[in-house]
Amino acid sequence: MPKVISATANPDKLREISAIFKSLWGEPVEIIARPRELPETIEDGETLEENARLKAKDVFDSISGGELDTLDEPTFIIADDTGLSVDALNGAPGVRSARFAGENATYADNVAKLLAELGDEVNRAAHFSTVIVALFLDGLELVTGGSIEGKILTEPRGNGGFGYDCIFEPTEGGGKTFAEMTAAEKDNLSHRARAINSLREILEQFKD
């Protein structure tokens, strides 16, 4: 059974990643949480890929030589970084999506700031992008990603999801925001699901 060590310190992301693996992977996968004693990664990269790599490297360094470093099963660290890019804001918040309203911003803080920045802007086009870095314990690194187009609403809708889900209506979502979808509906088309599915397709090439 493949073992995947998650580099995220965000419990919402961990739940979503675990659910996506369960539905998309096609075989049982054990998700191992980020080591609790590991401090949060300082995400000071200039791109999503740089931040994902920083998180993967932190976990890799923390488990090197330990129990997780001696597993016989195929094992890799999965780290992702996700950004919401709004056309009218020249791609912002982008790489700073999680910290748009400040370093200790809540989801609500970030949503409020984004809506305030957009104001009455007519062009609400936006897209979510996720970049994944999969780092194997032998040093092999794979990078892939996924994205989804949509628009930013003028006010929140829905009680599910997290982050900007309540104001993002994906083009392929049948008129629902991510926050109005069930977890399964979101996981079937989200940027993160597409990134993980892309990783699965890449790893299929290594089999046999």
C-alpha atoms as a PDB file:
ATOM      1  CA  MET A   1       0.000   0.000   0.000  1.00  0.00           C
ATOM      2  CA  PRO A   2       1.510   3.361  -0.983  1.00  0.00           C
ATOM      3  CA  LYS A   3       2.059   5.748   1.915  1.00  0.00           C
ATOM      4  CA  VAL A   4       1.712   9.495   1.434  1.00  0.00           C
ATOM      5  CA  ILE A   5       3.085  11.915   3.991  1.00  0.00           C
ATOM      6  CA  SER A   6       1.152  15.172   3.852  1.00  0.00           C
ATOM      7  CA  ALA A   7       3.188  18.351   4.235  1.00  0.00           C
ATOM      8  CA  THR A   8       0.211  20.565   4.990  1.00  0.00           C
ATOM      9  CA  ALA A   9      -0.359  21.958   8.466  1.00  0.00           C
ATOM     10  CA  ASN A  10      -3.916  22.996   7.485  1.00  0.00           C
ATOM     11  CA  PRO A  11      -6.484  20.466   8.805  1.00  0.00           C
ATOM     12  CA  ASP A  12      -9.040  21.492   6.157  1.00  0.00           C
ATOM     13  CA  LYS A  13      -6.565  20.786   3.376  1.00  0.00           C
ATOM     14  CA  LEU A  14      -5.581  17.463   4.975  1.00  0.00           C
ATOM     15  CA  ARG A  15      -9.211  16.303   5.075  1.00  0.00           C
ATOM     16  CA  GLU A  16      -9.698  17.316   1.452  1.00  0.00           C
ATOM     17  CA  ILE A  17      -6.473  15.669   0.273  1.00  0.00           C
ATOM     18  CA  SER A  18      -7.371  12.435   2.080  1.00  0.00           C
ATOM     19  CA  ALA A  19     -10.855  12.376   0.519  1.00  0.00           C
ATOM     20  CA  ILE A  20      -9.497  13.049  -2.972  1.00  0.00           C
ATOM     21  CA  PHE A  21      -6.925  10.269  -2.700  1.00  0.00           C
ATOM     22  CA  LYS A  22      -9.645   7.874  -1.555  1.00  0.00           C
ATOM     23  CA  SER A  23     -11.904   8.681  -4.520  1.00  0.00           C
ATOM     24  CA  LEU A  24      -9.337   9.108  -7.298  1.00  0.00           C
ATOM     25  CA  TRP A  25      -6.370   6.884  -6.597  1.00  0.00           C
ATOM     26  CA  GLY A  26      -7.863   3.500  -7.503  1.00  0.00           C
ATOM     27  CA  GLU A  27      -6.061   1.634  -4.695  1.00  0.00           C
ATOM     28  CA  PRO A  28      -5.820   2.025  -0.920  1.00  0.00           C
ATOM     29  CA  VAL A  29      -3.469   4.816   0.130  1.00  0.00           C
ATOM     30  CA  GLU A  30      -2.402   5.560   3.691  1.00  0.00           C
ATOM     31  CA  ILE A  31      -2.192   9.297   4.402  1.00  0.00           C
ATOM     32  CA  ILE A  32       0.312  10.139   7.143  1.00  0.00           C
ATOM     33  CA  ALA A  33      -0.119  13.530   8.779  1.00  0.00           C
ATOM     34  CA  ARG A  34       2.681  16.089   8.893  1.00  0.00           C
ATOM     35  CA  PRO A  35       4.860  15.503  11.981  1.00  0.00           C
ATOM     36  CA  ARG A  36       3.243  17.449  14.830  1.00  0.00           C
ATOM     37  CA  GLU A  37       6.535  18.691  16.219  1.00  0.00           C
ATOM     38  CA  LEU A  38       7.514  20.289  12.911  1.00  0.00           C
ATOM     39  CA  PRO A  39       6.994  24.084  12.924  1.00  0.00           C
ATOM     40  CA  GLU A  40       4.888  25.598  10.154  1.00  0.00           C
ATOM     41  CA  THR A  41       6.893  26.255   7.017  1.00  0.00           C
ATOM     42  CA  ILE A  42       7.728  29.875   6.258  1.00  0.00           C
ATOM     43  CA  GLU A  43       6.139  30.263   2.842  1.00  0.00           C
ATOM     44  CA  ASP A  44       8.277  33.035   1.426  1.00  0.00           C
ATOM     45  CA  GLY A  45       8.568  31.697  -2.118  1.00  0.00           C
ATOM     46  CA  GLU A  46       7.620  33.883  -5.058  1.00  0.00           C
ATOM     47  CA  THR A  47       5.602  31.143  -6.783  1.00  0.00           C
ATOM     48  CA  LEU A  48       3.225  28.363  -5.764  1.00  0.00           C
ATOM     49  CA  GLU A  49       5.810  25.803  -6.823  1.00  0.00           C
ATOM     50  CA  GLU A  50       8.509  27.375  -4.649  1.00  0.00           C
ATOM     51  CA  ASN A  51       6.235  27.322  -1.600  1.00  0.00           C
ATOM     52  CA  ALA A  52       5.186  23.724  -2.208  1.00  0.00           C
ATOM     53  CA  ARG A  53       8.823  22.705  -2.523  1.00  0.00           C
ATOM     54  CA  LEU A  54       9.698  24.495   0.740  1.00  0.00           C
ATOM     55  CA  LYS A  55       6.996  22.544   2.577  1.00  0.00           C
ATOM     56  CA  ALA A  56       8.057  19.226   1.061  1.00  0.00           C
ATOM     57  CA  LYS A  57      11.714  19.860   1.925  1.00  0.00           C
ATOM     58  CA  ASP A  58      10.863  20.740   5.552  1.00  0.00           C
ATOM     59  CA  VAL A  59       9.078  17.406   6.012  1.00  0.00           C
ATOM     60  CA  PHE A  60      11.805  15.508   4.152  1.00  0.00           C
ATOM     61  CA  ASP A  61      14.499  16.956   6.444  1.00  0.00           C
ATOM     62  CA  SER A  62      12.447  16.280   9.576  1.00  0.00           C
ATOM     63  CA  ILE A  63      11.956  12.554   8.879  1.00  0.00           C
ATOM     64  CA  SER A  64      15.377  11.825   7.414  1.00  0.00           C
ATOM     65  CA  GLY A  65      16.960   8.986   9.355  1.00  0.00           C
ATOM     66  CA  GLY A  66      13.797   8.355  11.380  1.00  0.00           C
ATOM     67  CA  GLU A  67      11.160   5.633  11.407  1.00  0.00           C
ATOM     68  CA  LEU A  68       9.336   6.961   8.352  1.00  0.00           C
ATOM     69  CA  ASP A  69      12.598   6.891   6.419  1.00  0.00           C
ATOM     70  CA  THR A  70      12.777   3.088   6.627  1.00  0.00           C
ATOM     71  CA  LEU A  71       9.349   2.103   5.284  1.00  0.00           C
ATOM     72  CA  ASP A  72       9.353  -0.693   2.717  1.00  0.00           C
ATOM     73  CA  GLU A  73       6.196   0.517   0.967  1.00  0.00           C
ATOM     74  CA  PRO A  74       6.334   3.195  -1.761  1.00  0.00           C
ATOM     75  CA  THR A  75       6.409   6.428   0.201  1.00  0.00           C
ATOM     76  CA  PHE A  76       6.425  10.049  -0.834  1.00  0.00           C
ATOM     77  CA  ILE A  77       5.762  13.459   0.661  1.00  0.00           C
ATOM     78  CA  ILE A  78       3.025  15.488  -0.967  1.00  0.00           C
ATOM     79  CA  ALA A  79       3.115  19.263  -0.607  1.00  0.00           C
ATOM     80  CA  ASP A  80       0.846  21.677  -2.360  1.00  0.00           C
ATOM     81  CA  ASP A  81       0.339  25.388  -2.581  1.00  0.00           C
ATOM     82  CA  THR A  82      -2.824  26.936  -3.903  1.00  0.00           C
ATOM     83  CA  GLY A  83      -3.593  30.414  -5.113  1.00  0.00           C
ATOM     84  CA  LEU A  84      -6.668  32.323  -6.235  1.00  0.00           C
ATOM     85  CA  SER A  85      -5.904  34.692  -9.095  1.00  0.00           C
ATOM     86  CA  VAL A  86      -8.388  37.445  -9.923  1.00  0.00           C
ATOM     87  CA  ASP A  87      -8.110  39.044 -13.349  1.00  0.00           C
ATOM     88  CA  ALA A  88      -9.198  42.527 -12.267  1.00  0.00           C
ATOM     89  CA  LEU A  89      -6.579  42.505  -9.486  1.00  0.00           C
ATOM     90  CA  ASN A  90      -3.748  41.614 -11.876  1.00  0.00           C
ATOM     91  CA  GLY A  91      -3.620  38.052 -10.554  1.00  0.00           C
ATOM     92  CA  ALA A  92      -3.819  38.893  -6.842  1.00  0.00           C
ATOM     93  CA  PRO A  93      -4.033  37.487  -4.256  1.00  0.00           C
ATOM     94  CA  GLY A  94      -2.122  34.683  -6.024  1.00  0.00           C
ATOM     95  CA  VAL A  95       0.761  33.276  -4.043  1.00  0.00           C
ATOM     96  CA  ARG A  96      -0.367  35.318  -1.018  1.00  0.00           C
ATOM     97  CA  SER A  97      -3.910  33.950  -1.009  1.00  0.00           C
ATOM     98  CA  ALA A  98      -3.668  32.481   2.500  1.00  0.00           C
ATOM     99  CA  ARG A  99      -2.181  35.704   3.857  1.00  0.00           C
ATOM    100  CA  PHE A 100      -3.979  38.286   1.726  1.00  0.00           C
ATOM    101  CA  ALA A 101      -5.318  40.183   4.742  1.00  0.00           C
ATOM    102  CA  GLY A 102      -2.177  39.673   6.843  1.00  0.00           C
ATOM    103  CA  GLU A 103       0.016  36.925   8.262  1.00  0.00           C
ATOM    104  CA  ASN A 104      -2.567  35.782  10.816  1.00  0.00           C
ATOM    105  CA  ALA A 105      -5.627  36.382   8.652  1.00  0.00           C
ATOM    106  CA  THR A 106      -8.682  34.169   9.007  1.00  0.00           C
ATOM    107  CA  TYR A 107     -10.653  32.850   6.037  1.00  0.00           C
ATOM    108  CA  ALA A 108     -13.270  35.559   6.700  1.00  0.00           C
ATOM    109  CA  ASP A 109     -10.592  38.281   6.794  1.00  0.00           C
ATOM    110  CA  ASN A 110      -9.265  37.249   3.391  1.00  0.00           C
ATOM    111  CA  VAL A 111     -12.732  37.037   1.847  1.00  0.00           C
ATOM    112  CA  ALA A 112     -13.664  40.479   3.181  1.00  0.00           C
ATOM    113  CA  LYS A 113     -10.472  42.049   1.855  1.00  0.00           C
ATOM    114  CA  LEU A 114     -10.924  40.491  -1.577  1.00  0.00           C
ATOM    115  CA  LEU A 115     -14.516  41.706  -1.872  1.00  0.00           C
ATOM    116  CA  ALA A 116     -13.463  45.172  -0.730  1.00  0.00           C
ATOM    117  CA  GLU A 117     -10.631  45.280  -3.272  1.00  0.00           C
ATOM    118  CA  LEU A 118     -12.981  44.286  -6.089  1.00  0.00           C
ATOM    119  CA  GLY A 119     -15.806  46.598  -5.032  1.00  0.00           C
ATOM    120  CA  ASP A 120     -18.226  47.111  -7.920  1.00  0.00           C
ATOM    121  CA  GLU A 121     -15.797  45.808 -10.543  1.00  0.00           C
ATOM    122  CA  VAL A 122     -17.733  44.200 -13.412  1.00  0.00           C
ATOM    123  CA  ASN A 123     -14.973  41.787 -14.422  1.00  0.00           C
ATOM    124  CA  ARG A 124     -15.138  39.070 -11.743  1.00  0.00           C
ATOM    125  CA  ALA A 125     -13.194  36.397 -13.667  1.00  0.00           C
ATOM    126  CA  ALA A 126     -10.798  34.353 -11.539  1.00  0.00           C
ATOM    127  CA  HIS A 127      -9.158  30.966 -11.338  1.00  0.00           C
ATOM    128  CA  PHE A 128      -7.815  28.660  -8.649  1.00  0.00           C
ATOM    129  CA  SER A 129      -4.462  26.941  -9.212  1.00  0.00           C
ATOM    130  CA  THR A 130      -2.799  24.188  -7.198  1.00  0.00           C
ATOM    131  CA  VAL A 131       0.805  23.102  -7.639  1.00  0.00           C
ATOM    132  CA  ILE A 132       1.903  19.804  -6.120  1.00  0.00           C
ATOM    133  CA  VAL A 133       5.437  18.722  -5.315  1.00  0.00           C
ATOM    134  CA  ALA A 134       5.764  14.996  -4.625  1.00  0.00           C
ATOM    135  CA  LEU A 135       9.099  14.260  -2.991  1.00  0.00           C
ATOM    136  CA  PHE A 136      10.120  10.616  -2.641  1.00  0.00           C
ATOM    137  CA  LEU A 137      12.398   9.506   0.166  1.00  0.00           C
ATOM    138  CA  ASP A 138      15.085   8.588  -2.378  1.00  0.00           C
ATOM    139  CA  GLY A 139      15.148  12.208  -3.565  1.00  0.00           C
ATOM    140  CA  LEU A 140      13.015  11.878  -6.716  1.00  0.00           C
ATOM    141  CA  GLU A 141      10.840  14.955  -7.177  1.00  0.00           C
ATOM    142  CA  LEU A 142       7.708  15.246  -9.313  1.00  0.00           C
ATOM    143  CA  VAL A 143       5.884  18.510  -9.952  1.00  0.00           C
ATOM    144  CA  THR A 144       2.401  18.886 -11.386  1.00  0.00           C
ATOM    145  CA  GLY A 145      -0.712  20.980 -10.956  1.00  0.00           C
ATOM    146  CA  GLY A 146      -4.339  21.684 -11.719  1.00  0.00           C
ATOM    147  CA  SER A 147      -6.581  24.696 -12.154  1.00  0.00           C
ATOM    148  CA  ILE A 148     -10.208  25.689 -12.566  1.00  0.00           C
ATOM    149  CA  GLU A 149     -11.804  28.825 -14.002  1.00  0.00           C
ATOM    150  CA  GLY A 150     -14.661  30.705 -12.390  1.00  0.00           C
ATOM    151  CA  LYS A 151     -15.789  34.038 -11.044  1.00  0.00           C
ATOM    152  CA  ILE A 152     -15.903  35.950  -7.771  1.00  0.00           C
ATOM    153  CA  LEU A 153     -19.361  36.715  -6.407  1.00  0.00           C
ATOM    154  CA  THR A 154     -20.333  40.007  -4.795  1.00  0.00           C
ATOM    155  CA  GLU A 155     -21.216  38.283  -1.521  1.00  0.00           C
ATOM    156  CA  PRO A 156     -20.635  34.884   0.105  1.00  0.00           C
ATOM    157  CA  ARG A 157     -22.903  31.910  -0.634  1.00  0.00           C
ATOM    158  CA  GLY A 158     -22.859  28.531   1.082  1.00  0.00           C
ATOM    159  CA  ASN A 159     -21.587  27.130   4.366  1.00  0.00           C
ATOM    160  CA  GLY A 160     -19.233  24.370   3.234  1.00  0.00           C
ATOM    161  CA  GLY A 161     -15.626  24.334   2.123  1.00  0.00           C
ATOM    162  CA  PHE A 162     -13.005  26.747   3.383  1.00  0.00           C
ATOM    163  CA  GLY A 163     -10.884  29.674   2.289  1.00  0.00           C
ATOM    164  CA  TYR A 164     -12.454  31.557  -0.618  1.00  0.00           C
ATOM    165  CA  ASP A 165     -14.924  28.762  -1.467  1.00  0.00           C
ATOM    166  CA  CYS A 166     -17.949  30.836  -0.453  1.00  0.00           C
ATOM    167  CA  ILE A 167     -17.299  33.520  -3.081  1.00  0.00           C
ATOM    168  CA  PHE A 168     -15.874  31.399  -5.917  1.00  0.00           C
ATOM    169  CA  GLU A 169     -18.331  30.009  -8.461  1.00  0.00           C
ATOM    170  CA  PRO A 170     -16.541  27.611 -10.825  1.00  0.00           C
ATOM    171  CA  THR A 171     -17.576  27.766 -14.466  1.00  0.00           C
ATOM    172  CA  GLU A 172     -18.247  24.020 -14.456  1.00  0.00           C
ATOM    173  CA  GLY A 173     -20.082  24.036 -11.128  1.00  0.00           C
ATOM    174  CA  GLY A 174     -23.672  24.343 -12.352  1.00  0.00           C
ATOM    175  CA  GLY A 175     -24.126  27.741 -10.701  1.00  0.00           C
ATOM    176  CA  LYS A 176     -22.946  26.622  -7.252  1.00  0.00           C
ATOM    177  CA  THR A 177     -20.043  28.038  -5.297  1.00  0.00           C
ATOM    178  CA  PHE A 178     -17.574  25.529  -3.888  1.00  0.00           C
ATOM    179  CA  ALA A 179     -19.134  26.255  -0.494  1.00  0.00           C
ATOM    180  CA  GLU A 180     -22.588  25.234  -1.765  1.00  0.00           C
ATOM    181  CA  MET A 181     -21.348  21.876  -3.066  1.00  0.00           C
ATOM    182  CA  THR A 182     -21.062  18.662  -1.168  1.00  0.00           C
ATOM    183  CA  ALA A 183     -17.487  17.617  -0.431  1.00  0.00           C
ATOM    184  CA  ALA A 184     -17.777  14.918  -3.093  1.00  0.00           C
ATOM    185  CA  GLU A 185     -19.024  17.409  -5.707  1.00  0.00           C
ATOM    186  CA  LYS A 186     -16.136  19.756  -5.019  1.00  0.00           C
ATOM    187  CA  ASP A 187     -13.594  16.935  -5.004  1.00  0.00           C
ATOM    188  CA  ASN A 188     -14.737  15.822  -8.440  1.00  0.00           C
ATOM    189  CA  LEU A 189     -13.745  19.047 -10.184  1.00  0.00           C
ATOM    190  CA  SER A 190     -11.574  21.190  -7.929  1.00  0.00           C
ATOM    191  CA  HIS A 191      -8.106  22.452  -8.748  1.00  0.00           C
ATOM    192  CA  ARG A 192      -6.647  20.266  -5.981  1.00  0.00           C
ATOM    193  CA  ALA A 193      -8.427  17.170  -7.296  1.00  0.00           C
ATOM    194  CA  ARG A 194      -7.115  17.873 -10.780  1.00  0.00           C
ATOM    195  CA  ALA A 195      -3.575  18.279  -9.461  1.00  0.00           C
ATOM    196  CA  ILE A 196      -3.736  15.004  -7.517  1.00  0.00           C
ATOM    197  CA  ASN A 197      -5.242  13.206 -10.498  1.00  0.00           C
ATOM    198  CA  SER A 198      -2.421  14.548 -12.670  1.00  0.00           C
ATOM    199  CA  LEU A 199       0.074  13.182 -10.141  1.00  0.00           C
ATOM    200  CA  ARG A 200      -1.659   9.787 -10.254  1.00  0.00           C
ATOM    201  CA  GLU A 201      -1.360   9.736 -14.037  1.00  0.00           C
ATOM    202  CA  ILE A 202       2.353  10.532 -13.840  1.00  0.00           C
ATOM    203  CA  LEU A 203       2.957   7.819 -11.252  1.00  0.00           C
ATOM    204  CA  GLU A 204       1.133   5.276 -13.415  1.00  0.00           C
ATOM    205  CA  GLN A 205       4.023   5.589 -15.846  1.00  0.00           C
ATOM    206  CA  PHE A 206       6.428   4.322 -13.146  1.00  0.00           C
ATOM    207  CA  LYS A 207       4.499   1.106 -12.536  1.00  0.00           C
ATOM    208  CA  ASP A 208       5.894  -2.146 -13.911  1.00  0.00           C
END
